[in-house]
């Protein structure tokens, strides 16, 4: 587990008792300390009283909308990692949650291994945010952020300045899904069309992916955005 020997505290917020029981048993078995809340009011009260390491948050709460909780925390400057639980059909909710500052999402029904991977990535990403890693490596792909060199299988790949900026943004947030809106805002000031972004993603995949039609590194989150595979 990431961090010190003290167990990581996870606040699980969901109005379904069965989901909370499942998460409590599964996360406790992995060494996490689990705190539960059944609604938004209880969640905010827990966060006022004590410190937690990560928040697992259902969007469809009976009192305060999960999106409002994310917005409140981020407006307060809280860096707390937030994993959103959403229904399979709530595509708009996922995108809005990520744009408000959630770190990731997982769709119900889900497997515990997928959730654990999302939690590890969110915690690792928070720890790395204070200082950018100079070298990224994932499989055959490597990126030297100091020398601005990208290589696949040891062979240097020539990228245009915009392709490099796009790859660097994805690498800086490796393992975390980035929405179309976020990428467009970061690289084009939000003025470009999503189709414009897709053209650059396609060009980048042609240069770095072993099979561009079945990407290994730059993964598509359908209707949401893109996720760079986590480093080795």
Protein backbone atom coordinates (compact mmCIF):
# COMPACT_ATOMS: atom_id res chain seq x y z
CA UNK A 1 0.00 0.00 0.00
CA UNK A 2 1.16 3.55 -0.76
CA UNK A 3 2.35 5.68 2.13
CA UNK A 4 3.26 4.92 5.74
CA UNK A 5 2.62 1.79 7.78
CA UNK A 6 -0.56 3.34 9.20
CA UNK A 7 -3.61 2.12 7.26
CA UNK A 8 -4.98 4.42 4.59
CA UNK A 9 -8.41 5.80 5.53
CA UNK A 10 -11.14 5.45 2.90
CA UNK A 11 -14.44 7.29 3.27
CA UNK A 12 -17.15 5.35 1.42
CA UNK A 13 -20.29 7.39 0.69
CA UNK A 14 -23.23 5.46 -0.75
CA UNK A 15 -26.90 5.18 0.20
CA UNK A 16 -27.04 1.47 -0.65
CA UNK A 17 -26.20 -0.65 2.45
CA UNK A 18 -25.22 -3.62 0.26
CA UNK A 19 -22.62 -1.54 -1.61
CA UNK A 20 -21.19 -0.21 1.66
CA UNK A 21 -20.95 -3.72 3.13
CA UNK A 22 -19.22 -5.00 0.01
CA UNK A 23 -16.72 -2.14 0.00
CA UNK A 24 -16.10 -2.33 3.74
CA UNK A 25 -15.32 -6.05 3.59
CA UNK A 26 -13.23 -5.82 0.40
CA UNK A 27 -11.19 -2.75 1.34
CA UNK A 28 -10.64 -3.87 4.94
CA UNK A 29 -9.28 -7.16 3.61
CA UNK A 30 -6.71 -5.12 1.65
CA UNK A 31 -5.56 -3.25 4.76
CA UNK A 32 -7.55 -0.04 4.34
CA UNK A 33 -9.44 1.56 7.23
CA UNK A 34 -13.01 2.15 6.05
CA UNK A 35 -15.33 4.91 7.26
CA UNK A 36 -18.91 4.96 5.95
CA UNK A 37 -21.57 7.58 5.26
CA UNK A 38 -25.00 6.98 3.75
CA UNK A 39 -25.57 10.53 2.52
CA UNK A 40 -23.81 13.76 1.64
CA UNK A 41 -24.49 15.45 4.97
CA UNK A 42 -22.82 12.59 6.83
CA UNK A 43 -19.89 12.62 4.41
CA UNK A 44 -19.23 16.34 4.88
CA UNK A 45 -19.49 15.93 8.66
CA UNK A 46 -16.89 13.13 8.59
CA UNK A 47 -14.59 15.30 6.48
CA UNK A 48 -14.96 18.22 8.91
CA UNK A 49 -14.17 16.05 11.93
CA UNK A 50 -11.30 13.93 10.65
CA UNK A 51 -8.76 13.44 7.89
CA UNK A 52 -9.18 10.71 5.30
CA UNK A 53 -6.83 9.64 2.50
CA UNK A 54 -9.36 8.98 -0.26
CA UNK A 55 -13.08 9.45 -0.90
CA UNK A 56 -15.20 6.86 -2.74
CA UNK A 57 -18.35 8.78 -3.62
CA UNK A 58 -21.68 7.77 -5.13
CA UNK A 59 -23.22 10.56 -7.22
CA UNK A 60 -26.87 9.64 -6.58
CA UNK A 61 -27.19 10.51 -2.89
CA UNK A 62 -30.58 11.19 -1.23
CA UNK A 63 -29.77 14.68 0.07
CA UNK A 64 -26.75 16.49 -1.38
CA UNK A 65 -25.80 15.59 -4.94
CA UNK A 66 -22.38 13.97 -5.20
CA UNK A 67 -21.38 16.58 -7.79
CA UNK A 68 -22.05 19.34 -5.25
CA UNK A 69 -19.80 17.60 -2.72
CA UNK A 70 -16.95 17.46 -5.26
CA UNK A 71 -17.46 21.13 -6.11
CA UNK A 72 -17.49 22.17 -2.44
CA UNK A 73 -14.29 20.27 -1.67
CA UNK A 74 -12.42 21.62 -4.69
CA UNK A 75 -13.62 25.18 -4.04
CA UNK A 76 -12.19 24.82 -0.52
CA UNK A 77 -8.86 23.83 -2.07
CA UNK A 78 -9.04 20.23 -0.85
CA UNK A 79 -6.60 17.90 -2.70
CA UNK A 80 -8.43 14.80 -1.41
CA UNK A 81 -8.43 12.05 -4.07
CA UNK A 82 -12.02 11.33 -5.15
CA UNK A 83 -13.21 8.18 -6.91
CA UNK A 84 -16.77 8.51 -8.21
CA UNK A 85 -19.25 5.62 -8.32
CA UNK A 86 -21.72 6.06 -11.16
CA UNK A 87 -24.37 4.11 -13.02
CA UNK A 88 -23.52 2.68 -16.42
CA UNK A 89 -25.88 5.10 -18.18
CA UNK A 90 -24.78 8.28 -16.38
CA UNK A 91 -22.21 9.43 -18.94
CA UNK A 92 -22.96 13.11 -18.36
CA UNK A 93 -22.48 12.68 -14.61
CA UNK A 94 -19.06 11.08 -15.11
CA UNK A 95 -17.84 13.90 -17.35
CA UNK A 96 -19.18 16.60 -15.03
CA UNK A 97 -17.63 14.93 -11.98
CA UNK A 98 -14.22 14.76 -13.66
CA UNK A 99 -14.44 18.36 -14.85
CA UNK A 100 -15.30 19.45 -11.31
CA UNK A 101 -12.16 17.77 -10.01
CA UNK A 102 -12.86 14.08 -9.33
CA UNK A 103 -9.78 11.94 -9.90
CA UNK A 104 -11.49 8.97 -11.51
CA UNK A 105 -14.75 7.08 -11.81
CA UNK A 106 -15.89 3.50 -11.72
CA UNK A 107 -19.16 2.23 -13.17
CA UNK A 108 -21.63 0.05 -11.25
CA UNK A 109 -21.59 -2.90 -11.17
CA UNK A 110 -17.83 -3.16 -10.68
CA UNK A 111 -15.20 -5.62 -9.52
CA UNK A 112 -13.09 -4.93 -6.46
CA UNK A 113 -9.82 -5.36 -8.41
CA UNK A 114 -10.81 -2.52 -10.74
CA UNK A 115 -11.66 -0.26 -7.79
CA UNK A 116 -8.39 -1.11 -6.01
CA UNK A 117 -6.44 -0.21 -9.16
CA UNK A 118 -8.27 3.13 -9.41
CA UNK A 119 -7.55 3.86 -5.73
CA UNK A 120 -3.83 3.04 -6.10
CA UNK A 121 -3.57 5.27 -9.18
CA UNK A 122 -5.34 8.21 -7.51
CA UNK A 123 -3.14 7.98 -4.40
CA UNK A 124 0.04 7.68 -6.49
CA UNK A 125 -0.98 10.62 -8.65
CA UNK A 126 -1.50 12.84 -5.59
CA UNK A 127 1.94 11.93 -4.24
CA UNK A 128 3.58 12.72 -7.58
CA UNK A 129 1.87 16.07 -8.13
CA UNK A 130 4.43 17.96 -6.05
CA UNK A 131 7.19 17.14 -8.52
CA UNK A 132 7.01 15.96 -12.10
CA UNK A 133 8.91 12.75 -12.74
CA UNK A 134 11.73 13.35 -15.29
CA UNK A 135 11.38 9.93 -16.93
CA UNK A 136 8.21 8.05 -17.82
CA UNK A 137 8.32 4.41 -18.87
CA UNK A 138 5.46 2.10 -19.80
CA UNK A 139 6.30 -1.09 -21.64
CA UNK A 140 8.29 -0.19 -24.78
CA UNK A 141 7.35 3.48 -24.52
CA UNK A 142 9.63 5.95 -22.73
CA UNK A 143 9.52 9.74 -22.42
CA UNK A 144 12.37 11.88 -21.12
CA UNK A 145 10.68 15.09 -19.98
CA UNK A 146 13.98 16.91 -19.47
CA UNK A 147 15.48 16.19 -22.88
CA UNK A 148 12.07 16.04 -24.61
CA UNK A 149 12.85 12.64 -26.13
CA UNK A 150 10.16 10.05 -26.85
CA UNK A 151 11.19 6.51 -27.77
CA UNK A 152 9.49 3.21 -28.53
CA UNK A 153 11.60 0.08 -28.12
CA UNK A 154 14.70 2.24 -27.82
CA UNK A 155 14.06 4.01 -31.14
CA UNK A 156 13.42 7.75 -30.97
CA UNK A 157 10.04 8.91 -32.26
CA UNK A 158 9.71 12.33 -33.85
CA UNK A 159 6.62 14.23 -32.69
CA UNK A 160 5.30 17.61 -33.71
CA UNK A 161 5.26 20.22 -30.90
CA UNK A 162 1.50 19.79 -30.46
CA UNK A 163 1.75 15.98 -30.40
CA UNK A 164 4.49 16.25 -27.78
CA UNK A 165 2.41 18.62 -25.64
CA UNK A 166 -0.55 16.23 -25.85
CA UNK A 167 1.55 13.22 -24.89
CA UNK A 168 3.19 15.14 -22.05
CA UNK A 169 -0.23 16.11 -20.66
CA UNK A 170 -1.39 12.50 -20.77
CA UNK A 171 1.85 11.28 -19.17
CA UNK A 172 1.65 13.91 -16.41
CA UNK A 173 -1.72 12.39 -15.44
CA UNK A 174 -0.92 8.75 -16.28
CA UNK A 175 -3.57 6.36 -14.99
CA UNK A 176 -6.13 9.16 -14.63
CA UNK A 177 -8.89 9.77 -17.14
CA UNK A 178 -8.78 13.24 -18.73
CA UNK A 179 -11.99 14.59 -20.22
CA UNK A 180 -12.16 16.04 -23.72
CA UNK A 181 -12.97 19.42 -22.16
CA UNK A 182 -9.93 19.32 -19.87
CA UNK A 183 -7.50 18.45 -22.67
CA UNK A 184 -8.95 21.06 -25.03
CA UNK A 185 -8.74 23.70 -22.30
CA UNK A 186 -5.14 22.82 -21.39
CA UNK A 187 -3.80 22.67 -24.95
CA UNK A 188 -6.05 24.93 -26.99
CA UNK A 189 -7.61 27.20 -24.40
CA UNK A 190 -10.94 25.41 -24.86
CA UNK A 191 -11.52 26.88 -28.33
CA UNK A 192 -10.97 23.73 -30.41
CA UNK A 193 -13.52 21.08 -31.38
CA UNK A 194 -13.37 17.53 -29.99
CA UNK A 195 -12.85 16.24 -33.51
CA UNK A 196 -9.65 18.27 -33.65
CA UNK A 197 -8.41 16.44 -30.54
CA UNK A 198 -9.32 13.06 -32.08
CA UNK A 199 -7.14 13.86 -35.10
CA UNK A 200 -4.13 14.47 -32.85
CA UNK A 201 -4.82 11.36 -30.77
CA UNK A 202 -4.99 9.31 -33.96
CA UNK A 203 -1.69 10.77 -35.22
CA UNK A 204 0.00 10.16 -31.87
CA UNK A 205 -1.20 6.57 -31.77
CA UNK A 206 0.17 5.99 -35.26
CA UNK A 207 3.62 6.94 -33.97
CA UNK A 208 3.77 5.25 -30.56
CA UNK A 209 1.29 2.38 -30.52
CA UNK A 210 2.25 -1.16 -31.61
CA UNK A 211 -1.31 -1.46 -32.97
CA UNK A 212 -2.99 1.95 -33.41
CA UNK A 213 -6.43 0.39 -33.90
CA UNK A 214 -6.09 -1.50 -30.60
CA UNK A 215 -4.15 1.01 -28.48
CA UNK A 216 -2.06 -0.17 -25.57
CA UNK A 217 -0.88 3.17 -24.15
CA UNK A 218 -3.50 5.84 -24.91
CA UNK A 219 -6.84 4.33 -23.91
CA UNK A 220 -10.22 5.72 -24.93
CA UNK A 221 -12.82 6.28 -22.22
CA UNK A 222 -15.92 6.18 -24.44
CA UNK A 223 -17.83 9.44 -24.40
CA UNK A 224 -15.59 10.85 -21.66
CA UNK A 225 -11.98 11.30 -22.77
CA UNK A 226 -8.63 9.50 -22.69
CA UNK A 227 -6.46 7.74 -20.15
CA UNK A 228 -2.71 7.10 -20.39
CA UNK A 229 -1.76 3.67 -19.12
CA UNK A 230 0.00 3.80 -15.74
CA UNK A 231 3.81 3.62 -15.78
CA UNK A 232 5.70 0.40 -15.05
